[in-house]
Amino acid sequence: MDAKLTLSFDEEIINKAKKYADEHNISLSRMIEHLLSKVVEKPYESLEDFPISDWVAMVAEGEATYKNKKSKKSQKEEFFASKK
């Protein structure tokens, strides 16, 4: 069940994130939901320990790269399949 949440971010970050989400055919809401799901998987000592902190920094600063063996298509299919 989806719930609404209001967040405030730097406008430049929002614009970059929207562009990134659009280019990767995912809604900004689902992208943020995916990132938050990674954060809450287990307890972390600090923000720097989050498994997505480097990725988020790359999105904020420029091109993000994925360092795994799954294709982007299979990752997207897996993510959307988990929402059913």
PDB file of N, CA and C in Angstrom:
ATOM      1  N   MET A   1       0.841  -1.173   0.000  1.00  0.00           N
ATOM      2  CA  MET A   1       0.000   0.000   0.000  1.00  0.00           C
ATOM      3  C   MET A   1       0.886   1.236   0.000  1.00  0.00           C
ATOM      4  N   ASP A   2       0.650   2.112  -0.911  1.00  0.00           N
ATOM      5  CA  ASP A   2       1.435   3.344  -1.008  1.00  0.00           C
ATOM      6  C   ASP A   2       0.913   4.387  -0.024  1.00  0.00           C
ATOM      7  N   ALA A   3       1.829   5.190   0.491  1.00  0.00           N
ATOM      8  CA  ALA A   3       1.487   6.314   1.355  1.00  0.00           C
ATOM      9  C   ALA A   3       2.221   7.537   0.823  1.00  0.00           C
ATOM     10  N   LYS A   4       1.641   8.705   1.014  1.00  0.00           N
ATOM     11  CA  LYS A   4       2.259   9.939   0.538  1.00  0.00           C
ATOM     12  C   LYS A   4       3.232  10.476   1.584  1.00  0.00           C
ATOM     13  N   LEU A   5       4.278  11.129   1.075  1.00  0.00           N
ATOM     14  CA  LEU A   5       5.309  11.704   1.913  1.00  0.00           C
ATOM     15  C   LEU A   5       5.800  12.979   1.241  1.00  0.00           C
ATOM     16  N   THR A   6       5.921  14.050   1.991  1.00  0.00           N
ATOM     17  CA  THR A   6       6.422  15.301   1.441  1.00  0.00           C
ATOM     18  C   THR A   6       7.860  15.496   1.902  1.00  0.00           C
ATOM     19  N   LEU A   7       8.755  15.696   0.945  1.00  0.00           N
ATOM     20  CA  LEU A   7      10.171  15.896   1.234  1.00  0.00           C
ATOM     21  C   LEU A   7      10.642  17.188   0.593  1.00  0.00           C
ATOM     22  N   SER A   8      11.708  17.764   1.126  1.00  0.00           N
ATOM     23  CA  SER A   8      12.304  18.957   0.543  1.00  0.00           C
ATOM     24  C   SER A   8      13.758  18.665   0.204  1.00  0.00           C
ATOM     25  N   PHE A   9      14.142  18.977  -1.038  1.00  0.00           N
ATOM     26  CA  PHE A   9      15.512  18.777  -1.498  1.00  0.00           C
ATOM     27  C   PHE A   9      15.972  20.036  -2.210  1.00  0.00           C
ATOM     28  N   ASP A  10      17.277  20.154  -2.379  1.00  0.00           N
ATOM     29  CA  ASP A  10      17.845  21.217  -3.185  1.00  0.00           C
ATOM     30  C   ASP A  10      17.263  21.112  -4.595  1.00  0.00           C
ATOM     31  N   GLU A  11      16.840  22.234  -5.163  1.00  0.00           N
ATOM     32  CA  GLU A  11      16.173  22.237  -6.473  1.00  0.00           C
ATOM     33  C   GLU A  11      17.045  21.623  -7.567  1.00  0.00           C
ATOM     34  N   GLU A  12      18.344  21.884  -7.530  1.00  0.00           N
ATOM     35  CA  GLU A  12      19.245  21.329  -8.546  1.00  0.00           C
ATOM     36  C   GLU A  12      19.286  19.803  -8.453  1.00  0.00           C
ATOM     37  N   ILE A  13      19.302  19.273  -7.246  1.00  0.00           N
ATOM     38  CA  ILE A  13      19.292  17.819  -7.049  1.00  0.00           C
ATOM     39  C   ILE A  13      17.985  17.229  -7.573  1.00  0.00           C
ATOM     40  N   ILE A  14      16.878  17.889  -7.281  1.00  0.00           N
ATOM     41  CA  ILE A  14      15.578  17.408  -7.767  1.00  0.00           C
ATOM     42  C   ILE A  14      15.567  17.350  -9.286  1.00  0.00           C
ATOM     43  N   ASN A  15      16.050  18.395  -9.931  1.00  0.00           N
ATOM     44  CA  ASN A  15      16.064  18.421 -11.396  1.00  0.00           C
ATOM     45  C   ASN A  15      16.936  17.318 -11.972  1.00  0.00           C
ATOM     46  N   LYS A  16      18.107  17.103 -11.385  1.00  0.00           N
ATOM     47  CA  LYS A  16      18.988  16.032 -11.854  1.00  0.00           C
ATOM     48  C   LYS A  16      18.355  14.670 -11.623  1.00  0.00           C
ATOM     49  N   ALA A  17      17.734  14.487 -10.473  1.00  0.00           N
ATOM     50  CA  ALA A  17      17.098  13.201 -10.158  1.00  0.00           C
ATOM     51  C   ALA A  17      15.925  12.931 -11.092  1.00  0.00           C
ATOM     52  N   LYS A  18      15.137  13.959 -11.402  1.00  0.00           N
ATOM     53  CA  LYS A  18      14.022  13.796 -12.336  1.00  0.00           C
ATOM     54  C   LYS A  18      14.530  13.398 -13.715  1.00  0.00           C
ATOM     55  N   LYS A  19      15.584  14.049 -14.153  1.00  0.00           N
ATOM     56  CA  LYS A  19      16.163  13.739 -15.461  1.00  0.00           C
ATOM     57  C   LYS A  19      16.676  12.300 -15.472  1.00  0.00           C
ATOM     58  N   TYR A  20      17.380  11.918 -14.414  1.00  0.00           N
ATOM     59  CA  TYR A  20      17.913  10.560 -14.315  1.00  0.00           C
ATOM     60  C   TYR A  20      16.775   9.539 -14.339  1.00  0.00           C
ATOM     61  N   ALA A  21      15.757   9.766 -13.550  1.00  0.00           N
ATOM     62  CA  ALA A  21      14.620   8.842 -13.482  1.00  0.00           C
ATOM     63  C   ALA A  21      13.946   8.736 -14.844  1.00  0.00           C
ATOM     64  N   ASP A  22      13.761   9.861 -15.512  1.00  0.00           N
ATOM     65  CA  ASP A  22      13.127   9.865 -16.829  1.00  0.00           C
ATOM     66  C   ASP A  22      13.962   9.077 -17.838  1.00  0.00           C
ATOM     67  N   GLU A  23      15.267   9.289 -17.822  1.00  0.00           N
ATOM     68  CA  GLU A  23      16.161   8.587 -18.747  1.00  0.00           C
ATOM     69  C   GLU A  23      16.172   7.075 -18.501  1.00  0.00           C
ATOM     70  N   HIS A  24      15.862   6.669 -17.278  1.00  0.00           N
ATOM     71  CA  HIS A  24      15.879   5.251 -16.931  1.00  0.00           C
ATOM     72  C   HIS A  24      14.478   4.662 -16.787  1.00  0.00           C
ATOM     73  N   ASN A  25      13.497   5.421 -17.292  1.00  0.00           N
ATOM     74  CA  ASN A  25      12.110   4.941 -17.363  1.00  0.00           C
ATOM     75  C   ASN A  25      11.583   4.442 -16.012  1.00  0.00           C
ATOM     76  N   ILE A  26      11.796   5.235 -14.982  1.00  0.00           N
ATOM     77  CA  ILE A  26      11.289   4.919 -13.648  1.00  0.00           C
ATOM     78  C   ILE A  26      10.779   6.214 -13.031  1.00  0.00           C
ATOM     79  N   SER A  27       9.756   6.127 -12.237  1.00  0.00           N
ATOM     80  CA  SER A  27       9.262   7.350 -11.603  1.00  0.00           C
ATOM     81  C   SER A  27      10.227   7.758 -10.492  1.00  0.00           C
ATOM     82  N   LEU A  28      10.249   9.030 -10.218  1.00  0.00           N
ATOM     83  CA  LEU A  28      11.088   9.541  -9.142  1.00  0.00           C
ATOM     84  C   LEU A  28      10.677   8.924  -7.808  1.00  0.00           C
ATOM     85  N   SER A  29       9.382   8.748  -7.604  1.00  0.00           N
ATOM     86  CA  SER A  29       8.897   8.131  -6.361  1.00  0.00           C
ATOM     87  C   SER A  29       9.435   6.715  -6.196  1.00  0.00           C
ATOM     88  N   ARG A  30       9.375   5.912  -7.258  1.00  0.00           N
ATOM     89  CA  ARG A  30       9.858   4.525  -7.170  1.00  0.00           C
ATOM     90  C   ARG A  30      11.366   4.478  -7.001  1.00  0.00           C
ATOM     91  N   MET A  31      12.087   5.412  -7.636  1.00  0.00           N
ATOM     92  CA  MET A  31      13.536   5.448  -7.487  1.00  0.00           C
ATOM     93  C   MET A  31      13.910   5.743  -6.034  1.00  0.00           C
ATOM     94  N   ILE A  32      13.255   6.737  -5.438  1.00  0.00           N
ATOM     95  CA  ILE A  32      13.538   7.080  -4.046  1.00  0.00           C
ATOM     96  C   ILE A  32      13.107   5.949  -3.124  1.00  0.00           C
ATOM     97  N   GLU A  33      11.972   5.316  -3.410  1.00  0.00           N
ATOM     98  CA  GLU A  33      11.528   4.177  -2.612  1.00  0.00           C
ATOM     99  C   GLU A  33      12.573   3.070  -2.648  1.00  0.00           C
ATOM    100  N   HIS A  34      13.127   2.808  -3.818  1.00  0.00           N
ATOM    101  CA  HIS A  34      14.158   1.776  -3.954  1.00  0.00           C
ATOM    102  C   HIS A  34      15.395   2.137  -3.120  1.00  0.00           C
ATOM    103  N   LEU A  35      15.821   3.391  -3.208  1.00  0.00           N
ATOM    104  CA  LEU A  35      16.990   3.829  -2.439  1.00  0.00           C
ATOM    105  C   LEU A  35      16.737   3.729  -0.936  1.00  0.00           C
ATOM    106  N   LEU A  36      15.548   4.142  -0.499  1.00  0.00           N
ATOM    107  CA  LEU A  36      15.220   4.055   0.923  1.00  0.00           C
ATOM    108  C   LEU A  36      15.139   2.606   1.391  1.00  0.00           C
ATOM    109  N   SER A  37      14.663   1.718   0.532  1.00  0.00           N
ATOM    110  CA  SER A  37      14.593   0.302   0.919  1.00  0.00           C
ATOM    111  C   SER A  37      15.990  -0.238   1.182  1.00  0.00           C
ATOM    112  N   LYS A  38      16.991   0.225   0.439  1.00  0.00           N
ATOM    113  CA  LYS A  38      18.377  -0.195   0.668  1.00  0.00           C
ATOM    114  C   LYS A  38      18.899   0.326   2.009  1.00  0.00           C
ATOM    115  N   VAL A  39      18.504   1.536   2.355  1.00  0.00           N
ATOM    116  CA  VAL A  39      18.961   2.152   3.602  1.00  0.00           C
ATOM    117  C   VAL A  39      18.432   1.403   4.822  1.00  0.00           C
ATOM    118  N   VAL A  40      17.182   0.961   4.770  1.00  0.00           N
ATOM    119  CA  VAL A  40      16.561   0.361   5.955  1.00  0.00           C
ATOM    120  C   VAL A  40      16.721  -1.154   6.037  1.00  0.00           C
ATOM    121  N   GLU A  41      17.466  -1.752   5.095  1.00  0.00           N
ATOM    122  CA  GLU A  41      17.672  -3.199   5.118  1.00  0.00           C
ATOM    123  C   GLU A  41      18.363  -3.658   6.400  1.00  0.00           C
ATOM    124  N   LYS A  42      19.295  -2.876   6.892  1.00  0.00           N
ATOM    125  CA  LYS A  42      19.992  -3.214   8.132  1.00  0.00           C
ATOM    126  C   LYS A  42      20.508  -1.933   8.785  1.00  0.00           C
ATOM    127  N   PRO A  43      20.835  -1.996  10.064  1.00  0.00           N
ATOM    128  CA  PRO A  43      21.303  -0.778  10.747  1.00  0.00           C
ATOM    129  C   PRO A  43      22.704  -0.365  10.279  1.00  0.00           C
ATOM    130  N   TYR A  44      22.894   0.926  10.116  1.00  0.00           N
ATOM    131  CA  TYR A  44      24.183   1.468   9.703  1.00  0.00           C
ATOM    132  C   TYR A  44      24.663   2.455  10.754  1.00  0.00           C
ATOM    133  N   GLU A  45      25.976   2.521  10.923  1.00  0.00           N
ATOM    134  CA  GLU A  45      26.584   3.402  11.910  1.00  0.00           C
ATOM    135  C   GLU A  45      26.461   4.880  11.529  1.00  0.00           C
ATOM    136  N   SER A  46      26.585   5.172  10.226  1.00  0.00           N
ATOM    137  CA  SER A  46      26.558   6.565   9.775  1.00  0.00           C
ATOM    138  C   SER A  46      26.054   6.624   8.341  1.00  0.00           C
ATOM    139  N   LEU A  47      25.802   7.824   7.853  1.00  0.00           N
ATOM    140  CA  LEU A  47      25.351   8.010   6.473  1.00  0.00           C
ATOM    141  C   LEU A  47      26.362   7.470   5.471  1.00  0.00           C
ATOM    142  N   GLU A  48      27.641   7.598   5.778  1.00  0.00           N
ATOM    143  CA  GLU A  48      28.684   7.136   4.870  1.00  0.00           C
ATOM    144  C   GLU A  48      28.691   5.616   4.720  1.00  0.00           C
ATOM    145  N   ASP A  49      28.110   4.911   5.680  1.00  0.00           N
ATOM    146  CA  ASP A  49      28.066   3.451   5.610  1.00  0.00           C
ATOM    147  C   ASP A  49      26.936   2.916   4.747  1.00  0.00           C
ATOM    148  N   PHE A  50      25.982   3.771   4.385  1.00  0.00           N
ATOM    149  CA  PHE A  50      24.871   3.313   3.550  1.00  0.00           C
ATOM    150  C   PHE A  50      25.423   2.775   2.237  1.00  0.00           C
ATOM    151  N   PRO A  51      24.890   1.678   1.745  1.00  0.00           N
ATOM    152  CA  PRO A  51      25.412   1.107   0.502  1.00  0.00           C
ATOM    153  C   PRO A  51      25.138   1.964  -0.720  1.00  0.00           C
ATOM    154  N   ILE A  52      24.297   2.969  -0.572  1.00  0.00           N
ATOM    155  CA  ILE A  52      23.951   3.793  -1.730  1.00  0.00           C
ATOM    156  C   ILE A  52      24.588   5.177  -1.678  1.00  0.00           C
ATOM    157  N   SER A  53      25.346   5.481  -0.637  1.00  0.00           N
ATOM    158  CA  SER A  53      25.847   6.850  -0.498  1.00  0.00           C
ATOM    159  C   SER A  53      26.727   7.268  -1.676  1.00  0.00           C
ATOM    160  N   ASP A  54      27.596   6.387  -2.159  1.00  0.00           N
ATOM    161  CA  ASP A  54      28.435   6.734  -3.307  1.00  0.00           C
ATOM    162  C   ASP A  54      27.589   6.927  -4.560  1.00  0.00           C
ATOM    163  N   TRP A  55      26.586   6.050  -4.730  1.00  0.00           N
ATOM    164  CA  TRP A  55      25.717   6.134  -5.904  1.00  0.00           C
ATOM    165  C   TRP A  55      24.925   7.438  -5.897  1.00  0.00           C
ATOM    166  N   VAL A  56      24.388   7.790  -4.747  1.00  0.00           N
ATOM    167  CA  VAL A  56      23.621   9.033  -4.634  1.00  0.00           C
ATOM    168  C   VAL A  56      24.524  10.229  -4.941  1.00  0.00           C
ATOM    169  N   ALA A  57      25.750  10.196  -4.439  1.00  0.00           N
ATOM    170  CA  ALA A  57      26.683  11.280  -4.717  1.00  0.00           C
ATOM    171  C   ALA A  57      26.957  11.391  -6.213  1.00  0.00           C
ATOM    172  N   MET A  58      27.086  10.241  -6.902  1.00  0.00           N
ATOM    173  CA  MET A  58      27.331  10.270  -8.337  1.00  0.00           C
ATOM    174  C   MET A  58      26.145  10.853  -9.090  1.00  0.00           C
ATOM    175  N   VAL A  59      24.928  10.501  -8.681  1.00  0.00           N
ATOM    176  CA  VAL A  59      23.744  11.048  -9.334  1.00  0.00           C
ATOM    177  C   VAL A  59      23.708  12.556  -9.130  1.00  0.00           C
ATOM    178  N   ALA A  60      24.036  13.001  -7.923  1.00  0.00           N
ATOM    179  CA  ALA A  60      23.999  14.423  -7.614  1.00  0.00           C
ATOM    180  C   ALA A  60      25.074  15.185  -8.380  1.00  0.00           C
ATOM    181  N   GLU A  61      26.203  14.524  -8.640  1.00  0.00           N
ATOM    182  CA  GLU A  61      27.326  15.208  -9.266  1.00  0.00           C
ATOM    183  C   GLU A  61      27.471  14.914 -10.750  1.00  0.00           C
ATOM    184  N   GLY A  62      26.810  13.894 -11.249  1.00  0.00           N
ATOM    185  CA  GLY A  62      26.947  13.554 -12.663  1.00  0.00           C
ATOM    186  C   GLY A  62      26.534  12.127 -12.932  1.00  0.00           C
ATOM    187  N   GLU A  63      27.178  11.516 -13.888  1.00  0.00           N
ATOM    188  CA  GLU A  63      26.844  10.171 -14.347  1.00  0.00           C
ATOM    189  C   GLU A  63      27.016   9.135 -13.238  1.00  0.00           C
ATOM    190  N   ALA A  64      26.001   8.313 -13.033  1.00  0.00           N
ATOM    191  CA  ALA A  64      26.072   7.207 -12.077  1.00  0.00           C
ATOM    192  C   ALA A  64      26.404   5.931 -12.829  1.00  0.00           C
ATOM    193  N   THR A  65      27.216   5.095 -12.234  1.00  0.00           N
ATOM    194  CA  THR A  65      27.548   3.814 -12.843  1.00  0.00           C
ATOM    195  C   THR A  65      27.184   2.699 -11.883  1.00  0.00           C
ATOM    196  N   TYR A  66      26.799   1.575 -12.443  1.00  0.00           N
ATOM    197  CA  TYR A  66      26.432   0.412 -11.647  1.00  0.00           C
ATOM    198  C   TYR A  66      27.574  -0.585 -11.699  1.00  0.00           C
ATOM    199  N   LYS A  67      27.928  -1.146 -10.548  1.00  0.00           N
ATOM    200  CA  LYS A  67      29.009  -2.115 -10.500  1.00  0.00           C
ATOM    201  C   LYS A  67      28.468  -3.446 -10.026  1.00  0.00           C
ATOM    202  N   ASN A  68      27.671  -4.052 -10.891  1.00  0.00           N
ATOM    203  CA  ASN A  68      27.168  -5.386 -10.604  1.00  0.00           C
ATOM    204  C   ASN A  68      27.008  -6.132 -11.912  1.00  0.00           C
ATOM    205  N   LYS A  69      26.663  -7.395 -11.817  1.00  0.00           N
ATOM    206  CA  LYS A  69      26.610  -8.225 -13.009  1.00  0.00           C
ATOM    207  C   LYS A  69      25.233  -8.268 -13.648  1.00  0.00           C
ATOM    208  N   LYS A  70      24.222  -7.730 -12.994  1.00  0.00           N
ATOM    209  CA  LYS A  70      22.873  -7.724 -13.552  1.00  0.00           C
ATOM    210  C   LYS A  70      22.733  -6.598 -14.556  1.00  0.00           C
ATOM    211  N   SER A  71      22.004  -6.850 -15.620  1.00  0.00           N
ATOM    212  CA  SER A  71      21.744  -5.801 -16.603  1.00  0.00           C
ATOM    213  C   SER A  71      20.735  -4.817 -16.027  1.00  0.00           C
ATOM    214  N   LYS A  72      20.723  -3.629 -16.568  1.00  0.00           N
ATOM    215  CA  LYS A  72      19.757  -2.620 -16.125  1.00  0.00           C
ATOM    216  C   LYS A  72      18.333  -3.118 -16.356  1.00  0.00           C
ATOM    217  N   LYS A  73      18.140  -3.807 -17.476  1.00  0.00           N
ATOM    218  CA  LYS A  73      16.806  -4.314 -17.788  1.00  0.00           C
ATOM    219  C   LYS A  73      16.360  -5.338 -16.742  1.00  0.00           C
ATOM    220  N   SER A  74      17.244  -6.261 -16.362  1.00  0.00           N
ATOM    221  CA  SER A  74      16.855  -7.271 -15.378  1.00  0.00           C
ATOM    222  C   SER A  74      16.643  -6.645 -14.000  1.00  0.00           C
ATOM    223  N   GLN A  75      17.426  -5.615 -13.673  1.00  0.00           N
ATOM    224  CA  GLN A  75      17.231  -4.926 -12.400  1.00  0.00           C
ATOM    225  C   GLN A  75      15.867  -4.252 -12.368  1.00  0.00           C
ATOM    226  N   LYS A  76      15.508  -3.587 -13.469  1.00  0.00           N
ATOM    227  CA  LYS A  76      14.229  -2.896 -13.534  1.00  0.00           C
ATOM    228  C   LYS A  76      13.090  -3.902 -13.442  1.00  0.00           C
ATOM    229  N   GLU A  77      13.207  -5.015 -14.180  1.00  0.00           N
ATOM    230  CA  GLU A  77      12.155  -6.045 -14.135  1.00  0.00           C
ATOM    231  C   GLU A  77      12.025  -6.626 -12.724  1.00  0.00           C
ATOM    232  N   GLU A  78      13.158  -6.865 -12.077  1.00  0.00           N
ATOM    233  CA  GLU A  78      13.139  -7.394 -10.709  1.00  0.00           C
ATOM    234  C   GLU A  78      12.478  -6.410  -9.748  1.00  0.00           C
ATOM    235  N   PHE A  79      12.807  -5.131  -9.888  1.00  0.00           N
ATOM    236  CA  PHE A  79      12.257  -4.113  -9.012  1.00  0.00           C
ATOM    237  C   PHE A  79      10.730  -4.030  -9.167  1.00  0.00           C
ATOM    238  N   PHE A  80      10.258  -3.962 -10.429  1.00  0.00           N
ATOM    239  CA  PHE A  80       8.818  -3.836 -10.650  1.00  0.00           C
ATOM    240  C   PHE A  80       8.080  -5.121 -10.286  1.00  0.00           C
ATOM    241  N   ALA A  81       8.718  -6.265 -10.459  1.00  0.00           N
ATOM    242  CA  ALA A  81       8.093  -7.535 -10.075  1.00  0.00           C
ATOM    243  C   ALA A  81       7.886  -7.577  -8.566  1.00  0.00           C
ATOM    244  N   SER A  82       8.790  -6.959  -7.817  1.00  0.00           N
ATOM    245  CA  SER A  82       8.662  -6.946  -6.359  1.00  0.00           C
ATOM    246  C   SER A  82       7.502  -6.087  -5.891  1.00  0.00           C
ATOM    247  N   LYS A  83       7.002  -5.223  -6.760  1.00  0.00           N
ATOM    248  CA  LYS A  83       5.904  -4.320  -6.398  1.00  0.00           C
ATOM    249  C   LYS A  83       4.537  -4.947  -6.642  1.00  0.00           C
ATOM    250  N   LYS A  84       4.516  -6.135  -7.258  1.00  0.00           N
ATOM    251  CA  LYS A  84       3.227  -6.785  -7.565  1.00  0.00           C
ATOM    252  C   LYS A  84       2.689  -7.525  -6.386  1.00  0.00           C
TER     253      LYS A  84
END
